[in-house]
């Protein structure tokens, strides 16, 4: 397990500044966001940021795209092409994506089936580039609960289609532990934060008892992955060293 953070935590900062503060905080990787820092299709920019990241001794952990599977109709191949191009130029091993634009309770069976077919169409192109796809566990999408994302993974059943995991601030710890267990067979990276309840953000160190339990289970899962710090209590660069120190301590770094 390696420590990193997501660039979208600081959307207002330049890529160069993002790299500087990540390195100074003792992190090892960055998930580069596809909305502000590296828009899809800007291959030259993506290649340059990848070079700068590696030159600083950091790794590109993932390309955090905002590709929403199941929302492009028959034009999904055209929508995915610039996302894949940016990720390949960046040197990202994973493209993070979202499972649609509505929750599992609001997604008809035919829309779920269409999403599965879409992913089966686009995933081979990513595989040819050596890139995995990974859905984010996100409210308001088809991966908003463990039963739904596990079903989605079984239906897709491709080796380069995986899942991110993160605790759901709207659910109890018992649910989050169970959801993590369901996610382990498909686990790629993890988004890390401590939000005890909706709208309440606290320093990561205050969540140590729970995160120690999560990390113990994640450590038992084969493979390499990044635990990526996400939005912090005040989203300021000054907070990052403390948050990174807590995470690195838990990882034994």
C-alpha atoms as a PDB file:
ATOM      1  CA  UNK A   1       0.000   0.000   0.000  1.00  0.00           C
ATOM      2  CA  UNK A   2       1.266   3.424  -0.955  1.00  0.00           C
ATOM      3  CA  UNK A   3       0.139   6.877   0.103  1.00  0.00           C
ATOM      4  CA  UNK A   4      -0.985   9.639  -2.216  1.00  0.00           C
ATOM      5  CA  UNK A   5      -3.659  12.234  -2.756  1.00  0.00           C
ATOM      6  CA  UNK A   6      -6.107  13.461  -5.361  1.00  0.00           C
ATOM      7  CA  UNK A   7      -5.343  16.680  -7.200  1.00  0.00           C
ATOM      8  CA  UNK A   8      -9.008  17.733  -7.146  1.00  0.00           C
ATOM      9  CA  UNK A   9      -8.603  18.487  -3.447  1.00  0.00           C
ATOM     10  CA  UNK A  10      -6.876  21.660  -4.632  1.00  0.00           C
ATOM     11  CA  UNK A  11      -8.470  22.534  -7.945  1.00  0.00           C
ATOM     12  CA  UNK A  12      -7.261  26.143  -7.782  1.00  0.00           C
ATOM     13  CA  UNK A  13      -3.579  25.185  -7.643  1.00  0.00           C
ATOM     14  CA  UNK A  14      -1.316  24.611 -10.637  1.00  0.00           C
ATOM     15  CA  UNK A  15      -0.041  21.143 -11.486  1.00  0.00           C
ATOM     16  CA  UNK A  16       3.475  22.245 -10.567  1.00  0.00           C
ATOM     17  CA  UNK A  17       2.304  23.367  -7.117  1.00  0.00           C
ATOM     18  CA  UNK A  18       0.342  20.149  -6.639  1.00  0.00           C
ATOM     19  CA  UNK A  19       3.502  18.121  -7.296  1.00  0.00           C
ATOM     20  CA  UNK A  20       5.531  20.282  -4.916  1.00  0.00           C
ATOM     21  CA  UNK A  21       3.177  19.979  -1.962  1.00  0.00           C
ATOM     22  CA  UNK A  22       2.651  16.234  -2.489  1.00  0.00           C
ATOM     23  CA  UNK A  23       6.390  15.623  -2.455  1.00  0.00           C
ATOM     24  CA  UNK A  24       6.971  17.854   0.562  1.00  0.00           C
ATOM     25  CA  UNK A  25       4.223  16.050   2.464  1.00  0.00           C
ATOM     26  CA  UNK A  26       5.972  12.708   2.033  1.00  0.00           C
ATOM     27  CA  UNK A  27       3.389  11.182  -0.306  1.00  0.00           C
ATOM     28  CA  UNK A  28       4.314   8.876  -3.169  1.00  0.00           C
ATOM     29  CA  UNK A  29       1.578   9.274  -5.785  1.00  0.00           C
ATOM     30  CA  UNK A  30      -1.055  11.583  -7.263  1.00  0.00           C
ATOM     31  CA  UNK A  31      -4.428  10.862  -8.797  1.00  0.00           C
ATOM     32  CA  UNK A  32      -4.707  13.597 -11.432  1.00  0.00           C
ATOM     33  CA  UNK A  33      -8.207  14.992 -11.897  1.00  0.00           C
ATOM     34  CA  UNK A  34      -9.753  15.199 -15.340  1.00  0.00           C
ATOM     35  CA  UNK A  35     -11.939  18.249 -14.777  1.00  0.00           C
ATOM     36  CA  UNK A  36      -9.477  21.108 -14.137  1.00  0.00           C
ATOM     37  CA  UNK A  37      -5.890  19.872 -14.107  1.00  0.00           C
ATOM     38  CA  UNK A  38      -5.972  17.456 -17.049  1.00  0.00           C
ATOM     39  CA  UNK A  39      -9.043  17.760 -19.277  1.00  0.00           C
ATOM     40  CA  UNK A  40      -9.727  14.792 -21.581  1.00  0.00           C
ATOM     41  CA  UNK A  41      -8.059  14.998 -24.954  1.00  0.00           C
ATOM     42  CA  UNK A  42      -5.290  17.411 -23.944  1.00  0.00           C
ATOM     43  CA  UNK A  43      -2.608  14.858 -24.656  1.00  0.00           C
ATOM     44  CA  UNK A  44       0.334  17.264 -24.632  1.00  0.00           C
ATOM     45  CA  UNK A  45      -0.602  18.622 -21.221  1.00  0.00           C
ATOM     46  CA  UNK A  46      -1.151  15.130 -19.830  1.00  0.00           C
ATOM     47  CA  UNK A  47       2.223  13.940 -21.111  1.00  0.00           C
ATOM     48  CA  UNK A  48       3.964  16.956 -19.601  1.00  0.00           C
ATOM     49  CA  UNK A  49       2.310  16.513 -16.200  1.00  0.00           C
ATOM     50  CA  UNK A  50       3.220  12.837 -16.215  1.00  0.00           C
ATOM     51  CA  UNK A  51       6.843  13.727 -16.890  1.00  0.00           C
ATOM     52  CA  UNK A  52       6.880  16.366 -14.132  1.00  0.00           C
ATOM     53  CA  UNK A  53       5.302  13.957 -11.660  1.00  0.00           C
ATOM     54  CA  UNK A  54       7.864  11.232 -12.263  1.00  0.00           C
ATOM     55  CA  UNK A  55      10.773  13.697 -12.349  1.00  0.00           C
ATOM     56  CA  UNK A  56       9.817  14.715  -8.807  1.00  0.00           C
ATOM     57  CA  UNK A  57      10.076  11.099  -7.690  1.00  0.00           C
ATOM     58  CA  UNK A  58       6.308  10.641  -7.505  1.00  0.00           C
ATOM     59  CA  UNK A  59       4.071   8.178  -9.320  1.00  0.00           C
ATOM     60  CA  UNK A  60       0.915   8.759 -11.306  1.00  0.00           C
ATOM     61  CA  UNK A  61      -1.554   6.751  -9.228  1.00  0.00           C
ATOM     62  CA  UNK A  62      -4.526   7.199 -11.547  1.00  0.00           C
ATOM     63  CA  UNK A  63      -6.383   9.477 -13.916  1.00  0.00           C
ATOM     64  CA  UNK A  64      -9.474  10.675 -12.067  1.00  0.00           C
ATOM     65  CA  UNK A  65     -11.875  11.092 -14.954  1.00  0.00           C
ATOM     66  CA  UNK A  66     -15.488  12.213 -14.834  1.00  0.00           C
ATOM     67  CA  UNK A  67     -16.568   9.767 -17.474  1.00  0.00           C
ATOM     68  CA  UNK A  68     -20.069   8.660 -16.489  1.00  0.00           C
ATOM     69  CA  UNK A  69     -20.783   5.271 -17.972  1.00  0.00           C
ATOM     70  CA  UNK A  70     -24.327   4.851 -19.183  1.00  0.00           C
ATOM     71  CA  UNK A  71     -24.982   8.520 -19.963  1.00  0.00           C
ATOM     72  CA  UNK A  72     -23.712   8.928 -23.531  1.00  0.00           C
ATOM     73  CA  UNK A  73     -26.228   6.857 -25.447  1.00  0.00           C
ATOM     74  CA  UNK A  74     -24.722   5.484 -28.623  1.00  0.00           C
ATOM     75  CA  UNK A  75     -21.829   7.980 -28.475  1.00  0.00           C
ATOM     76  CA  UNK A  76     -19.945   6.397 -25.588  1.00  0.00           C
ATOM     77  CA  UNK A  77     -16.987   5.323 -27.731  1.00  0.00           C
ATOM     78  CA  UNK A  78     -16.474   8.919 -28.851  1.00  0.00           C
ATOM     79  CA  UNK A  79     -16.812  10.154 -25.261  1.00  0.00           C
ATOM     80  CA  UNK A  80     -14.311   7.643 -23.927  1.00  0.00           C
ATOM     81  CA  UNK A  81     -11.662   8.112 -26.604  1.00  0.00           C
ATOM     82  CA  UNK A  82     -10.235  11.441 -25.297  1.00  0.00           C
ATOM     83  CA  UNK A  83     -10.337  10.132 -21.715  1.00  0.00           C
ATOM     84  CA  UNK A  84      -8.236   7.131 -22.686  1.00  0.00           C
ATOM     85  CA  UNK A  85      -5.873   9.315 -24.713  1.00  0.00           C
ATOM     86  CA  UNK A  86      -5.226  11.614 -21.741  1.00  0.00           C
ATOM     87  CA  UNK A  87      -4.707   8.683 -19.361  1.00  0.00           C
ATOM     88  CA  UNK A  88      -2.282   6.969 -21.733  1.00  0.00           C
ATOM     89  CA  UNK A  89      -0.291  10.160 -22.274  1.00  0.00           C
ATOM     90  CA  UNK A  90      -0.179  10.745 -18.525  1.00  0.00           C
ATOM     91  CA  UNK A  91       1.076   7.216 -17.921  1.00  0.00           C
ATOM     92  CA  UNK A  92      -1.819   6.379 -15.616  1.00  0.00           C
ATOM     93  CA  UNK A  93      -2.377   2.720 -14.729  1.00  0.00           C
ATOM     94  CA  UNK A  94      -6.035   3.308 -13.828  1.00  0.00           C
ATOM     95  CA  UNK A  95      -8.894   5.466 -15.080  1.00  0.00           C
ATOM     96  CA  UNK A  96     -11.380   6.245 -12.345  1.00  0.00           C
ATOM     97  CA  UNK A  97     -14.940   6.577 -13.655  1.00  0.00           C
ATOM     98  CA  UNK A  98     -18.501   6.871 -12.370  1.00  0.00           C
ATOM     99  CA  UNK A  99     -21.363   4.431 -12.822  1.00  0.00           C
ATOM    100  CA  UNK A 100     -24.069   6.599 -14.317  1.00  0.00           C
ATOM    101  CA  UNK A 101     -25.947   9.602 -13.002  1.00  0.00           C
ATOM    102  CA  UNK A 102     -28.571   8.109 -10.725  1.00  0.00           C
ATOM    103  CA  UNK A 103     -28.680   5.856  -7.691  1.00  0.00           C
ATOM    104  CA  UNK A 104     -29.122   2.107  -7.803  1.00  0.00           C
ATOM    105  CA  UNK A 105     -32.760   2.353  -6.679  1.00  0.00           C
ATOM    106  CA  UNK A 106     -33.490   4.695  -9.589  1.00  0.00           C
ATOM    107  CA  UNK A 107     -31.633   2.769 -12.287  1.00  0.00           C
ATOM    108  CA  UNK A 108     -33.887   0.504 -14.401  1.00  0.00           C
ATOM    109  CA  UNK A 109     -32.633  -2.960 -15.252  1.00  0.00           C
ATOM    110  CA  UNK A 110     -32.329  -2.044 -18.918  1.00  0.00           C
ATOM    111  CA  UNK A 111     -30.103   0.931 -18.093  1.00  0.00           C
ATOM    112  CA  UNK A 112     -27.883  -1.253 -15.930  1.00  0.00           C
ATOM    113  CA  UNK A 113     -27.647  -3.806 -18.744  1.00  0.00           C
ATOM    114  CA  UNK A 114     -26.717  -1.067 -21.229  1.00  0.00           C
ATOM    115  CA  UNK A 115     -23.984   0.160 -18.880  1.00  0.00           C
ATOM    116  CA  UNK A 116     -22.567  -3.342 -18.598  1.00  0.00           C
ATOM    117  CA  UNK A 117     -22.497  -3.657 -22.397  1.00  0.00           C
ATOM    118  CA  UNK A 118     -20.824  -0.253 -22.693  1.00  0.00           C
ATOM    119  CA  UNK A 119     -18.038  -1.143 -20.283  1.00  0.00           C
ATOM    120  CA  UNK A 120     -17.465  -4.451 -22.057  1.00  0.00           C
ATOM    121  CA  UNK A 121     -17.031  -2.459 -25.286  1.00  0.00           C
ATOM    122  CA  UNK A 122     -14.587   0.163 -23.975  1.00  0.00           C
ATOM    123  CA  UNK A 123     -12.574  -1.868 -21.449  1.00  0.00           C
ATOM    124  CA  UNK A 124     -10.591  -3.842 -24.083  1.00  0.00           C
ATOM    125  CA  UNK A 125      -9.211  -0.607 -25.566  1.00  0.00           C
ATOM    126  CA  UNK A 126      -8.015   0.403 -22.103  1.00  0.00           C
ATOM    127  CA  UNK A 127      -6.539  -3.058 -21.570  1.00  0.00           C
ATOM    128  CA  UNK A 128      -4.557  -2.761 -24.805  1.00  0.00           C
ATOM    129  CA  UNK A 129      -3.004   0.407 -23.374  1.00  0.00           C
ATOM    130  CA  UNK A 130      -2.229  -1.376 -20.104  1.00  0.00           C
ATOM    131  CA  UNK A 131      -4.867   0.585 -18.224  1.00  0.00           C
ATOM    132  CA  UNK A 132      -7.564  -0.604 -15.825  1.00  0.00           C
ATOM    133  CA  UNK A 133     -10.965   1.007 -15.313  1.00  0.00           C
ATOM    134  CA  UNK A 134     -12.242   1.473 -11.774  1.00  0.00           C
ATOM    135  CA  UNK A 135     -15.635   2.675 -10.611  1.00  0.00           C
ATOM    136  CA  UNK A 136     -15.813   5.001  -7.643  1.00  0.00           C
ATOM    137  CA  UNK A 137     -18.173   4.125  -4.794  1.00  0.00           C
ATOM    138  CA  UNK A 138     -20.295   7.236  -5.049  1.00  0.00           C
ATOM    139  CA  UNK A 139     -23.748   8.254  -3.873  1.00  0.00           C
ATOM    140  CA  UNK A 140     -26.150   9.011  -6.699  1.00  0.00           C
ATOM    141  CA  UNK A 141     -24.638   6.358  -8.967  1.00  0.00           C
ATOM    142  CA  UNK A 142     -25.068   2.642  -9.520  1.00  0.00           C
ATOM    143  CA  UNK A 143     -22.245   1.955  -7.045  1.00  0.00           C
ATOM    144  CA  UNK A 144     -23.995   3.652  -4.115  1.00  0.00           C
ATOM    145  CA  UNK A 145     -24.258   0.417  -2.137  1.00  0.00           C
ATOM    146  CA  UNK A 146     -22.368  -2.842  -1.789  1.00  0.00           C
ATOM    147  CA  UNK A 147     -25.030  -5.118  -3.259  1.00  0.00           C
ATOM    148  CA  UNK A 148     -25.310  -3.001  -6.380  1.00  0.00           C
ATOM    149  CA  UNK A 149     -21.597  -2.619  -7.080  1.00  0.00           C
ATOM    150  CA  UNK A 150     -20.953  -6.309  -6.447  1.00  0.00           C
ATOM    151  CA  UNK A 151     -23.684  -7.185  -8.932  1.00  0.00           C
ATOM    152  CA  UNK A 152     -22.203  -4.745 -11.453  1.00  0.00           C
ATOM    153  CA  UNK A 153     -18.747  -6.306 -11.100  1.00  0.00           C
ATOM    154  CA  UNK A 154     -20.123  -9.806 -11.538  1.00  0.00           C
ATOM    155  CA  UNK A 155     -22.023  -8.783 -14.657  1.00  0.00           C
ATOM    156  CA  UNK A 156     -19.026  -7.049 -16.250  1.00  0.00           C
ATOM    157  CA  UNK A 157     -16.555  -9.762 -15.197  1.00  0.00           C
ATOM    158  CA  UNK A 158     -13.448  -8.349 -16.869  1.00  0.00           C
ATOM    159  CA  UNK A 159      -9.970  -8.470 -15.296  1.00  0.00           C
ATOM    160  CA  UNK A 160      -9.214  -4.801 -15.960  1.00  0.00           C
ATOM    161  CA  UNK A 161     -12.477  -3.462 -14.500  1.00  0.00           C
ATOM    162  CA  UNK A 162     -12.195  -2.815 -10.791  1.00  0.00           C
ATOM    163  CA  UNK A 163     -13.557  -0.757  -7.909  1.00  0.00           C
ATOM    164  CA  UNK A 164     -12.310   2.091  -5.779  1.00  0.00           C
ATOM    165  CA  UNK A 165     -13.510   2.050  -2.188  1.00  0.00           C
ATOM    166  CA  UNK A 166     -14.195   4.804   0.310  1.00  0.00           C
ATOM    167  CA  UNK A 167     -16.280   4.957   3.483  1.00  0.00           C
ATOM    168  CA  UNK A 168     -19.767   6.371   3.037  1.00  0.00           C
ATOM    169  CA  UNK A 169     -20.328   9.224   5.484  1.00  0.00           C
ATOM    170  CA  UNK A 170     -24.067   8.603   5.328  1.00  0.00           C
ATOM    171  CA  UNK A 171     -23.751   5.039   6.600  1.00  0.00           C
ATOM    172  CA  UNK A 172     -22.717   3.439   9.899  1.00  0.00           C
ATOM    173  CA  UNK A 173     -19.252   1.896  10.397  1.00  0.00           C
ATOM    174  CA  UNK A 174     -20.757  -1.602  10.322  1.00  0.00           C
ATOM    175  CA  UNK A 175     -22.064  -0.969   6.807  1.00  0.00           C
ATOM    176  CA  UNK A 176     -18.727   0.477   5.653  1.00  0.00           C
ATOM    177  CA  UNK A 177     -16.847  -2.553   6.937  1.00  0.00           C
ATOM    178  CA  UNK A 178     -19.235  -4.873   5.117  1.00  0.00           C
ATOM    179  CA  UNK A 179     -18.975  -2.780   1.941  1.00  0.00           C
ATOM    180  CA  UNK A 180     -15.194  -2.960   2.079  1.00  0.00           C
ATOM    181  CA  UNK A 181     -15.366  -6.739   2.390  1.00  0.00           C
ATOM    182  CA  UNK A 182     -17.619  -6.886  -0.683  1.00  0.00           C
ATOM    183  CA  UNK A 183     -15.190  -4.648  -2.570  1.00  0.00           C
ATOM    184  CA  UNK A 184     -11.984  -6.547  -1.760  1.00  0.00           C
ATOM    185  CA  UNK A 185     -12.152  -8.974  -4.727  1.00  0.00           C
ATOM    186  CA  UNK A 186     -12.240  -5.992  -7.095  1.00  0.00           C
ATOM    187  CA  UNK A 187     -10.245  -3.426  -5.125  1.00  0.00           C
ATOM    188  CA  UNK A 188      -7.950  -0.947  -6.840  1.00  0.00           C
ATOM    189  CA  UNK A 189      -7.299   2.341  -5.023  1.00  0.00           C
ATOM    190  CA  UNK A 190      -8.904   3.812  -1.906  1.00  0.00           C
ATOM    191  CA  UNK A 191     -10.035   7.369  -1.190  1.00  0.00           C
ATOM    192  CA  UNK A 192      -9.140   8.388   2.347  1.00  0.00           C
ATOM    193  CA  UNK A 193     -10.848  11.006   4.538  1.00  0.00           C
ATOM    194  CA  UNK A 194     -12.576  11.274   7.897  1.00  0.00           C
ATOM    195  CA  UNK A 195     -16.122  12.555   7.641  1.00  0.00           C
ATOM    196  CA  UNK A 196     -17.991  11.286  10.727  1.00  0.00           C
ATOM    197  CA  UNK A 197     -21.347  12.411   9.298  1.00  0.00           C
ATOM    198  CA  UNK A 198     -22.683  14.256   6.233  1.00  0.00           C
ATOM    199  CA  UNK A 199     -21.289  17.786   6.043  1.00  0.00           C
ATOM    200  CA  UNK A 200     -18.823  17.211   8.889  1.00  0.00           C
ATOM    201  CA  UNK A 201     -15.151  16.970   7.986  1.00  0.00           C
ATOM    202  CA  UNK A 202     -12.550  16.265  10.646  1.00  0.00           C
ATOM    203  CA  UNK A 203      -8.760  15.729  10.644  1.00  0.00           C
ATOM    204  CA  UNK A 204      -7.839  12.246   9.509  1.00  0.00           C
ATOM    205  CA  UNK A 205      -6.031  11.427  12.768  1.00  0.00           C
ATOM    206  CA  UNK A 206      -9.364  11.513  14.609  1.00  0.00           C
ATOM    207  CA  UNK A 207     -10.539   8.596  12.496  1.00  0.00           C
ATOM    208  CA  UNK A 208      -7.610   6.352  13.416  1.00  0.00           C
ATOM    209  CA  UNK A 209      -9.575   3.584  15.213  1.00  0.00           C
ATOM    210  CA  UNK A 210     -11.787   2.959  12.190  1.00  0.00           C
ATOM    211  CA  UNK A 211      -9.116   3.476   9.577  1.00  0.00           C
ATOM    212  CA  UNK A 212      -6.792   1.050  11.347  1.00  0.00           C
ATOM    213  CA  UNK A 213      -9.503  -1.598  10.921  1.00  0.00           C
ATOM    214  CA  UNK A 214     -10.049  -0.708   7.267  1.00  0.00           C
ATOM    215  CA  UNK A 215      -6.337  -0.784   6.521  1.00  0.00           C
ATOM    216  CA  UNK A 216      -5.921  -4.169   8.194  1.00  0.00           C
ATOM    217  CA  UNK A 217      -8.447  -5.635   5.756  1.00  0.00           C
ATOM    218  CA  UNK A 218      -7.034  -3.770   2.752  1.00  0.00           C
ATOM    219  CA  UNK A 219      -3.547  -5.048   3.592  1.00  0.00           C
ATOM    220  CA  UNK A 220      -4.807  -8.626   3.281  1.00  0.00           C
ATOM    221  CA  UNK A 221      -5.912  -8.000  -0.302  1.00  0.00           C
ATOM    222  CA  UNK A 222      -3.329  -9.056  -2.924  1.00  0.00           C
ATOM    223  CA  UNK A 223      -1.886  -6.473  -5.277  1.00  0.00           C
ATOM    224  CA  UNK A 224      -0.536  -2.958  -5.121  1.00  0.00           C
ATOM    225  CA  UNK A 225      -2.757   0.078  -4.535  1.00  0.00           C
ATOM    226  CA  UNK A 226      -2.743   3.682  -3.421  1.00  0.00           C
ATOM    227  CA  UNK A 227      -4.554   5.091  -0.430  1.00  0.00           C
ATOM    228  CA  UNK A 228      -5.330   8.575  -1.665  1.00  0.00           C
ATOM    229  CA  UNK A 229      -6.127  11.501   0.608  1.00  0.00           C
ATOM    230  CA  UNK A 230      -9.201  13.302  -0.623  1.00  0.00           C
ATOM    231  CA  UNK A 231     -10.991  16.458   0.490  1.00  0.00           C
ATOM    232  CA  UNK A 232      -9.754  17.713   3.857  1.00  0.00           C
ATOM    233  CA  UNK A 233     -11.573  19.689   6.580  1.00  0.00           C
ATOM    234  CA  UNK A 234     -10.775  23.073   5.030  1.00  0.00           C
ATOM    235  CA  UNK A 235      -9.189  22.023   1.719  1.00  0.00           C
ATOM    236  CA  UNK A 236      -6.014  24.013   2.328  1.00  0.00           C
ATOM    237  CA  UNK A 237      -2.470  22.949   1.381  1.00  0.00           C
ATOM    238  CA  UNK A 238      -1.380  23.680   4.948  1.00  0.00           C
ATOM    239  CA  UNK A 239      -3.436  20.693   6.137  1.00  0.00           C
ATOM    240  CA  UNK A 240      -1.819  18.191   3.804  1.00  0.00           C
ATOM    241  CA  UNK A 241       1.382  17.475   5.794  1.00  0.00           C
ATOM    242  CA  UNK A 242      -0.609  16.541   8.901  1.00  0.00           C
ATOM    243  CA  UNK A 243      -3.058  14.390   6.968  1.00  0.00           C
ATOM    244  CA  UNK A 244      -0.188  12.700   5.108  1.00  0.00           C
ATOM    245  CA  UNK A 245       1.694  12.082   8.342  1.00  0.00           C
ATOM    246  CA  UNK A 246      -1.301  10.274   9.832  1.00  0.00           C
ATOM    247  CA  UNK A 247      -1.778   8.116   6.742  1.00  0.00           C
ATOM    248  CA  UNK A 248       1.917   7.293   6.408  1.00  0.00           C
ATOM    249  CA  UNK A 249       2.065   6.346  10.080  1.00  0.00           C
ATOM    250  CA  UNK A 250      -0.815   3.897   9.646  1.00  0.00           C
ATOM    251  CA  UNK A 251       0.881   2.406   6.604  1.00  0.00           C
ATOM    252  CA  UNK A 252       4.154   2.044   8.475  1.00  0.00           C
ATOM    253  CA  UNK A 253       5.928   4.505   6.224  1.00  0.00           C
END
